[in-house]
C-alpha cells in the first residue's frame, strides 16, 4: 500500500524533487499529499506545482507564537490525511508537543552529517570541512523535541577527503541524500520501525 506523506520544505527542495521523481518512477511507494512551506519564495513551490502537488504556506508572521503555527500545520496534516511527515530542508524547529505527540515516530528529518557530529547547525557541511574531518555523511532520524537527537533510522558515510571547499562537501553529500531519502520513505510503506530507547529496528510487513 502507498503511504500518504507531507513534505515540509523552506528552500530549493532538491530532496523534495528526489521524492517526486521517486514516486513518478515507482521507486517510492508513496503519495505526496501536500507541500507545506514557511517561505512563499521557496523554489520547492514551483517543483510542487509542476508535479500537481497542493501547496500550503504557513508563515510565522501570521501567528502570535510557534505553538499556533505548529497547530496550523497539524490541522493541515489531518486535513490531507497524512501518515508520514518528511522534513526536507525545513528551516523551522517543530516545537509543539501536540504536533510531536500526534505524529510520534511519524516525522522524519535528514541531516547532512553523521549525527551526533555537527548537530544543531544549518552549516553542518561547512563545519565538517573546516574541522578537517575526512569522513562525513548523512543521517535520517525521527524528529523529537530535542534538535537532531531523535532515534536514528539510517546513516551513510561519505568520503570528503578530496573536497576543496564546503560547496564540494555539500554537493557530494546531497547526491547521497537523494537516494537515501527515497529508500527510507519507501520503507515506511513496506514495514515499520520499532523503537527501543535510541535504538531502531525495521520489520517488513
N, C-alpha and C. Protein backbone atom coordinates (compact mmCIF):
# COMPACT_ATOMS: atom_id res chain seq x y z
N UNK A 1 0.83 -1.21 0.00
CA UNK A 1 0.00 0.00 0.00
C UNK A 1 0.86 1.25 0.00
N UNK A 2 0.40 2.28 -0.69
CA UNK A 2 1.11 3.55 -0.69
C UNK A 2 0.92 4.24 0.65
N UNK A 3 1.97 4.94 1.07
CA UNK A 3 1.87 5.73 2.29
C UNK A 3 1.65 7.19 1.90
N UNK A 4 0.79 7.86 2.63
CA UNK A 4 0.47 9.27 2.36
C UNK A 4 1.45 10.15 3.12
N UNK A 5 2.16 11.02 2.40
CA UNK A 5 3.16 11.84 3.05
C UNK A 5 2.93 13.33 2.79
N UNK A 6 3.42 14.13 3.71
CA UNK A 6 3.53 15.58 3.52
C UNK A 6 5.01 15.91 3.57
N UNK A 7 5.42 16.85 2.73
CA UNK A 7 6.80 17.31 2.75
C UNK A 7 6.81 18.75 3.26
N UNK A 8 7.68 19.02 4.22
CA UNK A 8 7.89 20.37 4.72
C UNK A 8 9.24 20.85 4.23
N UNK A 9 9.25 21.96 3.50
CA UNK A 9 10.49 22.48 2.93
C UNK A 9 10.48 24.00 2.96
N UNK A 10 11.67 24.60 3.02
CA UNK A 10 11.78 26.06 3.09
C UNK A 10 12.55 26.66 1.92
N UNK A 11 13.25 25.83 1.15
CA UNK A 11 14.14 26.39 0.14
C UNK A 11 14.04 25.75 -1.22
N UNK A 12 15.20 25.28 -1.72
CA UNK A 12 15.27 24.76 -3.08
C UNK A 12 14.42 23.52 -3.28
N UNK A 13 14.37 22.67 -2.27
CA UNK A 13 13.55 21.48 -2.36
C UNK A 13 14.15 20.38 -3.22
N UNK A 14 15.47 20.22 -3.22
CA UNK A 14 16.08 19.18 -4.06
C UNK A 14 15.73 17.78 -3.54
N UNK A 15 15.67 17.61 -2.23
CA UNK A 15 15.23 16.32 -1.70
C UNK A 15 13.75 16.09 -1.98
N UNK A 16 12.97 17.14 -1.96
CA UNK A 16 11.56 17.06 -2.34
C UNK A 16 11.45 16.59 -3.78
N UNK A 17 12.26 17.17 -4.67
CA UNK A 17 12.24 16.75 -6.07
C UNK A 17 12.64 15.29 -6.22
N UNK A 18 13.61 14.85 -5.43
CA UNK A 18 14.01 13.45 -5.48
C UNK A 18 12.85 12.54 -5.12
N UNK A 19 12.05 12.96 -4.15
CA UNK A 19 10.88 12.16 -3.77
C UNK A 19 9.81 12.19 -4.86
N UNK A 20 9.60 13.36 -5.45
CA UNK A 20 8.66 13.47 -6.58
C UNK A 20 9.07 12.50 -7.68
N UNK A 21 10.35 12.51 -8.03
CA UNK A 21 10.87 11.63 -9.08
C UNK A 21 10.74 10.16 -8.68
N UNK A 22 11.01 9.89 -7.40
CA UNK A 22 10.91 8.51 -6.92
C UNK A 22 9.49 7.98 -7.00
N UNK A 23 8.52 8.82 -6.67
CA UNK A 23 7.12 8.43 -6.77
C UNK A 23 6.75 8.20 -8.23
N UNK A 24 7.19 9.10 -9.10
CA UNK A 24 6.85 9.02 -10.53
C UNK A 24 7.41 7.76 -11.18
N UNK A 25 8.57 7.31 -10.73
CA UNK A 25 9.20 6.13 -11.33
C UNK A 25 8.85 4.84 -10.60
N UNK A 26 8.06 4.94 -9.53
CA UNK A 26 7.66 3.75 -8.79
C UNK A 26 8.68 3.27 -7.78
N UNK A 27 9.74 4.04 -7.58
CA UNK A 27 10.75 3.63 -6.60
C UNK A 27 10.37 4.00 -5.17
N UNK A 28 9.43 4.94 -5.04
CA UNK A 28 8.94 5.34 -3.72
C UNK A 28 7.43 5.07 -3.70
N UNK A 29 7.04 4.13 -2.88
CA UNK A 29 5.64 3.71 -2.83
C UNK A 29 4.86 4.65 -1.92
N UNK A 30 4.65 5.87 -2.41
CA UNK A 30 4.02 6.90 -1.59
C UNK A 30 3.18 7.82 -2.46
N UNK A 31 2.31 8.56 -1.81
CA UNK A 31 1.56 9.64 -2.45
C UNK A 31 1.88 10.92 -1.69
N UNK A 32 2.41 11.91 -2.41
CA UNK A 32 2.74 13.18 -1.77
C UNK A 32 1.46 14.02 -1.74
N UNK A 33 0.88 14.13 -0.56
CA UNK A 33 -0.42 14.78 -0.41
C UNK A 33 -0.32 16.30 -0.46
N UNK A 34 0.77 16.85 0.09
CA UNK A 34 0.88 18.30 0.21
C UNK A 34 2.32 18.71 0.49
N UNK A 35 2.69 19.87 -0.04
CA UNK A 35 3.92 20.55 0.37
C UNK A 35 3.52 21.67 1.32
N UNK A 36 4.13 21.70 2.48
CA UNK A 36 3.92 22.78 3.44
C UNK A 36 5.23 23.56 3.55
N UNK A 37 5.15 24.87 3.37
CA UNK A 37 6.36 25.69 3.43
C UNK A 37 6.11 26.96 4.23
N UNK A 38 7.16 27.45 4.87
CA UNK A 38 7.09 28.72 5.60
C UNK A 38 7.63 29.86 4.75
N UNK A 39 8.02 29.55 3.50
CA UNK A 39 8.67 30.54 2.65
C UNK A 39 7.92 30.66 1.32
N UNK A 40 7.18 31.76 1.11
CA UNK A 40 6.41 31.91 -0.13
C UNK A 40 7.29 32.05 -1.37
N UNK A 41 8.60 32.23 -1.19
CA UNK A 41 9.52 32.34 -2.32
C UNK A 41 10.32 31.05 -2.54
N UNK A 42 9.98 30.00 -1.83
CA UNK A 42 10.74 28.75 -1.92
C UNK A 42 10.64 28.15 -3.32
N UNK A 43 11.76 27.70 -3.83
CA UNK A 43 11.77 27.03 -5.13
C UNK A 43 10.96 25.73 -5.08
N UNK A 44 10.84 25.17 -3.89
CA UNK A 44 10.06 23.94 -3.73
C UNK A 44 8.62 24.11 -4.20
N UNK A 45 8.09 25.33 -4.12
CA UNK A 45 6.71 25.59 -4.54
C UNK A 45 6.56 25.32 -6.03
N UNK A 46 7.52 25.78 -6.83
CA UNK A 46 7.45 25.54 -8.28
C UNK A 46 7.56 24.05 -8.58
N UNK A 47 8.38 23.37 -7.82
CA UNK A 47 8.50 21.92 -8.01
C UNK A 47 7.16 21.24 -7.72
N UNK A 48 6.49 21.68 -6.67
CA UNK A 48 5.19 21.11 -6.32
C UNK A 48 4.15 21.37 -7.41
N UNK A 49 4.13 22.59 -7.90
CA UNK A 49 3.16 22.95 -8.94
C UNK A 49 3.35 22.11 -10.20
N UNK A 50 4.60 21.89 -10.59
CA UNK A 50 4.88 21.08 -11.77
C UNK A 50 4.43 19.64 -11.58
N UNK A 51 4.48 19.19 -10.34
CA UNK A 51 4.09 17.81 -10.03
C UNK A 51 2.60 17.68 -9.71
N UNK A 52 1.90 18.81 -9.66
CA UNK A 52 0.48 18.77 -9.32
C UNK A 52 0.21 18.52 -7.86
N UNK A 53 1.16 18.88 -7.01
CA UNK A 53 1.03 18.68 -5.56
C UNK A 53 0.50 19.96 -4.91
N UNK A 54 -0.54 19.86 -4.08
CA UNK A 54 -1.06 21.04 -3.38
C UNK A 54 0.02 21.70 -2.52
N UNK A 55 -0.06 23.01 -2.40
CA UNK A 55 0.90 23.78 -1.60
C UNK A 55 0.15 24.56 -0.53
N UNK A 56 0.66 24.51 0.69
CA UNK A 56 0.13 25.31 1.79
C UNK A 56 1.27 26.13 2.38
N UNK A 57 1.07 27.45 2.44
CA UNK A 57 2.09 28.34 3.01
C UNK A 57 1.70 28.69 4.44
N UNK A 58 2.59 28.38 5.37
CA UNK A 58 2.34 28.65 6.79
C UNK A 58 3.53 29.46 7.31
N UNK A 59 3.34 30.77 7.41
CA UNK A 59 4.43 31.69 7.81
C UNK A 59 4.31 32.09 9.27
N UNK A 60 5.44 32.23 9.93
CA UNK A 60 5.44 32.58 11.35
C UNK A 60 4.83 33.96 11.60
N UNK A 61 4.94 34.88 10.63
CA UNK A 61 4.41 36.23 10.82
C UNK A 61 2.89 36.26 10.95
N UNK A 62 2.24 35.19 10.54
CA UNK A 62 0.78 35.13 10.60
C UNK A 62 0.26 34.57 11.91
N UNK A 63 1.18 34.26 12.83
CA UNK A 63 0.79 33.65 14.10
C UNK A 63 1.44 34.39 15.27
N UNK A 64 0.79 34.33 16.41
CA UNK A 64 1.31 35.02 17.59
C UNK A 64 2.47 34.27 18.22
N UNK A 65 2.54 32.96 18.01
CA UNK A 65 3.63 32.17 18.58
C UNK A 65 3.82 30.90 17.76
N UNK A 66 4.89 30.19 18.06
CA UNK A 66 5.21 28.98 17.31
C UNK A 66 4.22 27.85 17.59
N UNK A 67 3.67 27.82 18.79
CA UNK A 67 2.67 26.80 19.11
C UNK A 67 1.49 26.91 18.16
N UNK A 68 1.06 28.13 17.90
CA UNK A 68 -0.07 28.36 16.99
C UNK A 68 0.30 27.97 15.56
N UNK A 69 1.53 28.30 15.16
CA UNK A 69 1.99 27.95 13.82
C UNK A 69 2.02 26.43 13.63
N UNK A 70 2.60 25.74 14.60
CA UNK A 70 2.65 24.29 14.52
C UNK A 70 1.25 23.69 14.59
N UNK A 71 0.37 24.36 15.31
CA UNK A 71 -1.02 23.91 15.39
C UNK A 71 -1.69 23.96 14.03
N UNK A 72 -1.39 25.00 13.25
CA UNK A 72 -1.93 25.10 11.89
C UNK A 72 -1.39 23.98 11.02
N UNK A 73 -0.11 23.67 11.18
CA UNK A 73 0.47 22.57 10.42
C UNK A 73 -0.23 21.26 10.76
N UNK A 74 -0.50 21.04 12.04
CA UNK A 74 -1.21 19.83 12.46
C UNK A 74 -2.59 19.75 11.82
N UNK A 75 -3.28 20.88 11.78
CA UNK A 75 -4.60 20.91 11.12
C UNK A 75 -4.48 20.46 9.67
N UNK A 76 -3.47 20.96 8.98
CA UNK A 76 -3.29 20.62 7.57
C UNK A 76 -2.93 19.14 7.39
N UNK A 77 -2.09 18.63 8.25
CA UNK A 77 -1.71 17.21 8.15
C UNK A 77 -2.94 16.32 8.31
N UNK A 78 -3.81 16.70 9.23
CA UNK A 78 -5.03 15.92 9.43
C UNK A 78 -6.00 16.08 8.25
N UNK A 79 -6.09 17.29 7.73
CA UNK A 79 -6.99 17.53 6.59
C UNK A 79 -6.59 16.70 5.38
N UNK A 80 -5.28 16.63 5.14
CA UNK A 80 -4.80 15.88 3.99
C UNK A 80 -4.60 14.39 4.28
N UNK A 81 -4.95 13.99 5.51
CA UNK A 81 -4.84 12.57 5.90
C UNK A 81 -3.42 12.02 5.70
N UNK A 82 -2.48 12.76 6.26
CA UNK A 82 -1.07 12.42 6.13
C UNK A 82 -0.67 11.37 7.16
N UNK A 83 0.11 10.39 6.70
CA UNK A 83 0.59 9.34 7.59
C UNK A 83 2.04 9.57 8.02
N UNK A 84 2.84 10.16 7.14
CA UNK A 84 4.26 10.38 7.42
C UNK A 84 4.64 11.80 7.02
N UNK A 85 5.34 12.49 7.91
CA UNK A 85 5.78 13.87 7.65
C UNK A 85 7.28 13.83 7.36
N UNK A 86 7.65 14.39 6.20
CA UNK A 86 9.04 14.33 5.75
C UNK A 86 9.60 15.76 5.70
N UNK A 87 10.58 16.04 6.54
CA UNK A 87 11.22 17.35 6.52
C UNK A 87 12.36 17.32 5.50
N UNK A 88 12.32 18.29 4.57
CA UNK A 88 13.32 18.32 3.50
C UNK A 88 13.83 19.75 3.36
N UNK A 89 14.77 20.10 4.22
CA UNK A 89 15.27 21.47 4.22
C UNK A 89 14.27 22.43 4.82
N UNK A 90 13.54 21.98 5.84
CA UNK A 90 12.59 22.84 6.55
C UNK A 90 13.35 23.56 7.65
N UNK A 91 13.35 24.90 7.60
CA UNK A 91 14.25 25.67 8.45
C UNK A 91 13.63 26.13 9.76
N UNK A 92 12.49 25.58 10.11
CA UNK A 92 11.89 25.85 11.41
C UNK A 92 11.99 24.61 12.28
N UNK A 93 12.21 24.83 13.56
CA UNK A 93 12.23 23.71 14.50
C UNK A 93 10.80 23.46 14.97
N UNK A 94 10.34 22.24 14.82
CA UNK A 94 8.99 21.90 15.29
C UNK A 94 9.01 21.86 16.82
N UNK A 95 8.21 22.72 17.42
CA UNK A 95 8.26 22.89 18.88
C UNK A 95 7.01 22.39 19.60
N UNK A 96 5.91 22.26 18.89
CA UNK A 96 4.64 21.93 19.52
C UNK A 96 4.60 20.48 20.02
N UNK A 97 4.39 20.31 21.31
CA UNK A 97 4.26 18.97 21.87
C UNK A 97 3.04 18.27 21.28
N UNK A 98 2.00 19.05 21.01
CA UNK A 98 0.78 18.47 20.45
C UNK A 98 1.06 17.86 19.08
N UNK A 99 1.80 18.58 18.24
CA UNK A 99 2.16 18.07 16.92
C UNK A 99 3.10 16.88 17.03
N UNK A 100 4.11 16.99 17.86
CA UNK A 100 5.08 15.90 18.02
C UNK A 100 4.41 14.65 18.57
N UNK A 101 3.46 14.82 19.49
CA UNK A 101 2.75 13.66 20.04
C UNK A 101 1.80 13.04 19.02
N UNK A 102 1.13 13.90 18.25
CA UNK A 102 0.17 13.40 17.25
C UNK A 102 0.87 12.58 16.17
N UNK A 103 2.10 12.96 15.85
CA UNK A 103 2.86 12.25 14.83
C UNK A 103 4.15 11.66 15.42
N UNK A 104 4.02 11.09 16.60
CA UNK A 104 5.18 10.47 17.24
C UNK A 104 5.72 9.34 16.36
N UNK A 105 7.01 9.42 16.08
CA UNK A 105 7.69 8.44 15.22
C UNK A 105 7.10 8.41 13.81
N UNK A 106 6.49 9.53 13.43
CA UNK A 106 5.94 9.66 12.08
C UNK A 106 6.43 10.96 11.42
N UNK A 107 7.43 11.60 12.01
CA UNK A 107 8.08 12.77 11.43
C UNK A 107 9.56 12.44 11.29
N UNK A 108 10.08 12.59 10.07
CA UNK A 108 11.49 12.26 9.85
C UNK A 108 12.22 13.46 9.25
N UNK A 109 13.51 13.49 9.49
CA UNK A 109 14.36 14.59 9.00
C UNK A 109 15.65 14.01 8.45
N UNK A 110 16.25 14.73 7.52
CA UNK A 110 17.56 14.34 7.00
C UNK A 110 18.56 15.43 7.37
N UNK A 111 19.70 15.02 7.90
CA UNK A 111 20.72 15.97 8.36
C UNK A 111 22.05 15.63 7.68
N UNK A 112 22.76 16.64 7.13
CA UNK A 112 23.97 16.36 6.36
C UNK A 112 25.23 16.18 7.19
N UNK A 113 25.16 15.27 8.14
CA UNK A 113 26.35 14.86 8.88
C UNK A 113 26.05 13.51 9.52
N UNK A 114 27.08 12.89 10.05
CA UNK A 114 26.88 11.65 10.79
C UNK A 114 26.61 12.02 12.25
N UNK A 115 25.35 12.18 12.58
CA UNK A 115 24.99 12.54 13.95
C UNK A 115 25.53 11.50 14.92
N UNK A 116 25.96 11.92 16.12
CA UNK A 116 25.76 13.23 16.73
C UNK A 116 26.78 14.30 16.33
N UNK A 117 27.66 14.02 15.38
CA UNK A 117 28.63 15.03 14.96
C UNK A 117 27.92 16.16 14.22
N UNK A 118 28.31 17.38 14.52
CA UNK A 118 27.81 18.57 13.84
C UNK A 118 26.28 18.67 13.87
N UNK A 119 25.73 18.40 15.03
CA UNK A 119 24.28 18.52 15.21
C UNK A 119 23.89 19.97 15.48
N UNK A 120 22.62 20.27 15.27
CA UNK A 120 22.08 21.57 15.66
C UNK A 120 22.62 22.74 14.90
N UNK A 121 23.01 22.52 13.67
CA UNK A 121 23.56 23.61 12.87
C UNK A 121 23.00 23.55 11.46
N UNK A 122 22.85 24.71 10.82
CA UNK A 122 22.41 24.75 9.44
C UNK A 122 23.60 24.72 8.48
N UNK A 123 24.81 24.64 9.04
CA UNK A 123 26.02 24.65 8.22
C UNK A 123 26.88 23.43 8.54
N UNK A 124 26.26 22.27 8.62
CA UNK A 124 27.00 21.07 9.01
C UNK A 124 28.11 20.73 8.03
N UNK A 125 27.85 20.95 6.74
CA UNK A 125 28.87 20.64 5.74
C UNK A 125 30.08 21.57 5.90
N UNK A 126 29.81 22.86 6.11
CA UNK A 126 30.88 23.84 6.32
C UNK A 126 31.67 23.50 7.58
N UNK A 127 30.94 23.16 8.64
CA UNK A 127 31.59 22.83 9.91
C UNK A 127 32.49 21.59 9.76
N UNK A 128 31.99 20.60 9.03
CA UNK A 128 32.78 19.39 8.83
C UNK A 128 34.04 19.69 8.02
N UNK A 129 33.90 20.50 6.98
CA UNK A 129 35.05 20.85 6.14
C UNK A 129 36.09 21.62 6.95
N UNK A 130 35.62 22.61 7.70
CA UNK A 130 36.55 23.45 8.47
C UNK A 130 37.21 22.67 9.61
N UNK A 131 36.51 21.67 10.13
CA UNK A 131 37.08 20.86 11.20
C UNK A 131 38.16 19.93 10.67
N UNK A 132 38.08 19.65 9.37
CA UNK A 132 39.09 18.80 8.75
C UNK A 132 38.79 17.32 8.78
N UNK A 133 37.52 16.96 9.01
CA UNK A 133 37.20 15.53 9.02
C UNK A 133 37.35 14.96 7.61
N UNK A 134 37.70 13.70 7.53
CA UNK A 134 37.88 13.02 6.24
C UNK A 134 36.58 12.32 5.81
N UNK A 135 35.81 11.91 6.78
CA UNK A 135 34.55 11.22 6.52
C UNK A 135 33.41 11.99 7.17
N UNK A 136 32.44 12.39 6.39
CA UNK A 136 31.20 12.94 6.93
C UNK A 136 30.07 12.06 6.43
N UNK A 137 28.91 12.62 6.14
CA UNK A 137 27.84 11.77 5.67
C UNK A 137 26.47 12.36 5.90
N UNK A 138 25.52 11.49 6.08
CA UNK A 138 24.13 11.92 6.28
C UNK A 138 23.46 11.02 7.30
N UNK A 139 22.45 11.60 7.93
CA UNK A 139 21.66 10.86 8.92
C UNK A 139 20.18 11.15 8.69
N UNK A 140 19.38 10.11 8.66
CA UNK A 140 17.92 10.25 8.63
C UNK A 140 17.42 9.77 9.98
N UNK A 141 16.65 10.63 10.65
CA UNK A 141 16.25 10.31 12.02
C UNK A 141 14.83 10.75 12.29
N UNK A 142 14.25 10.19 13.33
CA UNK A 142 12.94 10.64 13.79
C UNK A 142 13.09 11.99 14.47
N UNK A 143 12.07 12.82 14.33
CA UNK A 143 12.09 14.15 14.94
C UNK A 143 11.47 14.08 16.32
N UNK A 144 12.18 14.63 17.29
CA UNK A 144 11.69 14.73 18.67
C UNK A 144 11.86 16.17 19.13
N UNK A 145 11.52 16.42 20.38
CA UNK A 145 11.63 17.77 20.93
C UNK A 145 13.09 18.22 21.02
N UNK A 146 14.01 17.28 21.05
CA UNK A 146 15.44 17.61 21.12
C UNK A 146 16.03 17.68 19.72
N UNK A 147 16.56 18.82 19.34
CA UNK A 147 17.04 19.06 17.99
C UNK A 147 18.10 18.05 17.56
N UNK A 148 17.85 17.40 16.41
CA UNK A 148 18.79 16.44 15.81
C UNK A 148 19.17 15.32 16.77
N UNK A 149 18.25 14.95 17.64
CA UNK A 149 18.58 13.96 18.67
C UNK A 149 17.64 12.76 18.63
N UNK A 150 16.70 12.73 17.70
CA UNK A 150 15.76 11.61 17.64
C UNK A 150 16.43 10.31 17.23
N UNK A 151 15.79 9.18 17.50
CA UNK A 151 16.35 7.87 17.12
C UNK A 151 16.73 7.83 15.64
N UNK A 152 17.86 7.22 15.36
CA UNK A 152 18.42 7.20 14.01
C UNK A 152 17.83 6.05 13.20
N UNK A 153 17.36 6.38 12.00
CA UNK A 153 16.81 5.40 11.08
C UNK A 153 17.88 4.87 10.14
N UNK A 154 18.69 5.79 9.60
CA UNK A 154 19.65 5.42 8.56
C UNK A 154 20.83 6.39 8.59
N UNK A 155 22.00 5.85 8.38
CA UNK A 155 23.20 6.69 8.23
C UNK A 155 24.04 6.17 7.08
N UNK A 156 24.75 7.10 6.45
CA UNK A 156 25.64 6.72 5.35
C UNK A 156 26.87 7.61 5.39
N UNK A 157 28.01 6.99 5.38
CA UNK A 157 29.28 7.72 5.39
C UNK A 157 29.62 8.20 3.98
N UNK A 158 30.19 9.40 3.90
CA UNK A 158 30.63 9.96 2.62
C UNK A 158 32.06 10.47 2.79
N UNK A 159 32.94 10.00 1.93
CA UNK A 159 34.35 10.41 1.97
C UNK A 159 34.45 11.83 1.40
N UNK A 160 34.86 12.78 2.22
CA UNK A 160 35.00 14.16 1.75
C UNK A 160 36.46 14.61 1.76
N UNK A 161 37.37 13.65 1.83
CA UNK A 161 38.79 13.98 1.97
C UNK A 161 39.36 14.70 0.75
N UNK A 162 38.70 14.53 -0.41
CA UNK A 162 39.21 15.19 -1.61
C UNK A 162 38.51 16.51 -1.92
N UNK A 163 37.58 16.93 -1.05
CA UNK A 163 36.84 18.17 -1.28
C UNK A 163 37.72 19.38 -0.97
N UNK A 164 37.62 20.39 -1.83
CA UNK A 164 38.47 21.57 -1.66
C UNK A 164 37.73 22.75 -1.03
N UNK A 165 36.41 22.64 -0.89
CA UNK A 165 35.66 23.69 -0.21
C UNK A 165 34.33 23.12 0.26
N UNK A 166 33.59 23.93 1.02
CA UNK A 166 32.34 23.45 1.61
C UNK A 166 31.28 23.13 0.56
N UNK A 167 31.31 23.84 -0.59
CA UNK A 167 30.33 23.56 -1.64
C UNK A 167 30.51 22.15 -2.20
N UNK A 168 31.74 21.73 -2.34
CA UNK A 168 32.00 20.38 -2.82
C UNK A 168 31.50 19.36 -1.81
N UNK A 169 31.69 19.65 -0.53
CA UNK A 169 31.19 18.76 0.51
C UNK A 169 29.66 18.67 0.42
N UNK A 170 29.01 19.81 0.28
CA UNK A 170 27.56 19.85 0.21
C UNK A 170 27.05 19.03 -0.97
N UNK A 171 27.64 19.23 -2.13
CA UNK A 171 27.17 18.52 -3.32
C UNK A 171 27.41 17.02 -3.23
N UNK A 172 28.53 16.64 -2.66
CA UNK A 172 28.85 15.22 -2.55
C UNK A 172 27.88 14.51 -1.61
N UNK A 173 27.56 15.17 -0.49
CA UNK A 173 26.61 14.57 0.45
C UNK A 173 25.20 14.61 -0.11
N UNK A 174 24.86 15.70 -0.79
CA UNK A 174 23.50 15.86 -1.31
C UNK A 174 23.14 14.77 -2.30
N UNK A 175 24.10 14.37 -3.13
CA UNK A 175 23.84 13.29 -4.08
C UNK A 175 23.40 12.02 -3.37
N UNK A 176 24.02 11.74 -2.25
CA UNK A 176 23.68 10.54 -1.49
C UNK A 176 22.36 10.74 -0.72
N UNK A 177 22.09 11.97 -0.31
CA UNK A 177 20.83 12.25 0.38
C UNK A 177 19.64 11.86 -0.48
N UNK A 178 19.67 12.24 -1.75
CA UNK A 178 18.53 11.99 -2.64
C UNK A 178 18.19 10.51 -2.70
N UNK A 179 19.19 9.68 -2.87
CA UNK A 179 18.96 8.24 -2.94
C UNK A 179 18.51 7.68 -1.60
N UNK A 180 19.14 8.15 -0.53
CA UNK A 180 18.82 7.63 0.80
C UNK A 180 17.40 7.98 1.23
N UNK A 181 16.98 9.22 0.97
CA UNK A 181 15.64 9.63 1.41
C UNK A 181 14.56 8.84 0.67
N UNK A 182 14.77 8.61 -0.62
CA UNK A 182 13.81 7.79 -1.37
C UNK A 182 13.71 6.39 -0.77
N UNK A 183 14.84 5.81 -0.45
CA UNK A 183 14.88 4.47 0.11
C UNK A 183 14.15 4.40 1.46
N UNK A 184 14.40 5.38 2.31
CA UNK A 184 13.80 5.36 3.65
C UNK A 184 12.31 5.64 3.59
N UNK A 185 11.88 6.64 2.82
CA UNK A 185 10.44 6.92 2.72
C UNK A 185 9.71 5.70 2.17
N UNK A 186 10.27 5.05 1.16
CA UNK A 186 9.66 3.84 0.61
C UNK A 186 9.54 2.75 1.66
N UNK A 187 10.51 2.67 2.56
CA UNK A 187 10.49 1.61 3.57
C UNK A 187 9.29 1.72 4.50
N UNK A 188 8.78 2.94 4.72
CA UNK A 188 7.63 3.12 5.60
C UNK A 188 6.36 2.53 4.98
N UNK A 189 6.33 2.36 3.67
CA UNK A 189 5.18 1.76 3.02
C UNK A 189 5.22 0.23 3.09
N UNK A 190 6.37 -0.31 3.43
CA UNK A 190 6.57 -1.76 3.35
C UNK A 190 6.86 -2.41 4.69
N UNK A 191 6.90 -1.60 5.75
CA UNK A 191 7.20 -2.16 7.05
C UNK A 191 7.09 -1.10 8.13
N UNK A 192 7.63 -1.39 9.29
CA UNK A 192 7.55 -0.45 10.40
C UNK A 192 8.86 -0.44 11.18
N UNK A 193 9.10 0.69 11.82
CA UNK A 193 10.28 0.83 12.66
C UNK A 193 9.87 0.68 14.12
N UNK A 194 10.56 -0.20 14.80
CA UNK A 194 10.33 -0.43 16.22
C UNK A 194 11.43 0.27 16.99
N UNK A 195 11.04 1.09 17.94
CA UNK A 195 12.00 1.94 18.65
C UNK A 195 12.11 1.50 20.10
N UNK A 196 13.33 1.29 20.53
CA UNK A 196 13.61 0.91 21.91
C UNK A 196 14.68 1.86 22.43
N UNK A 197 14.24 2.91 23.16
CA UNK A 197 15.17 3.93 23.59
C UNK A 197 15.69 4.69 22.39
N UNK A 198 17.00 4.61 22.17
CA UNK A 198 17.59 5.27 20.99
C UNK A 198 17.81 4.28 19.84
N UNK A 199 17.51 3.02 20.07
CA UNK A 199 17.74 2.00 19.05
C UNK A 199 16.49 1.85 18.17
N UNK A 200 16.71 1.61 16.88
CA UNK A 200 15.61 1.32 15.97
C UNK A 200 15.90 0.02 15.22
N UNK A 201 14.84 -0.70 14.96
CA UNK A 201 14.96 -1.87 14.07
C UNK A 201 13.75 -1.90 13.17
N UNK A 202 13.92 -2.53 12.03
CA UNK A 202 12.90 -2.49 11.00
C UNK A 202 12.30 -3.86 10.79
N UNK A 203 10.99 -3.90 10.65
CA UNK A 203 10.29 -5.15 10.35
C UNK A 203 9.42 -4.95 9.11
N UNK A 204 9.59 -5.83 8.13
CA UNK A 204 8.74 -5.76 6.95
C UNK A 204 7.35 -6.30 7.27
N UNK A 205 6.36 -5.78 6.58
CA UNK A 205 5.00 -6.29 6.74
C UNK A 205 4.89 -7.68 6.15
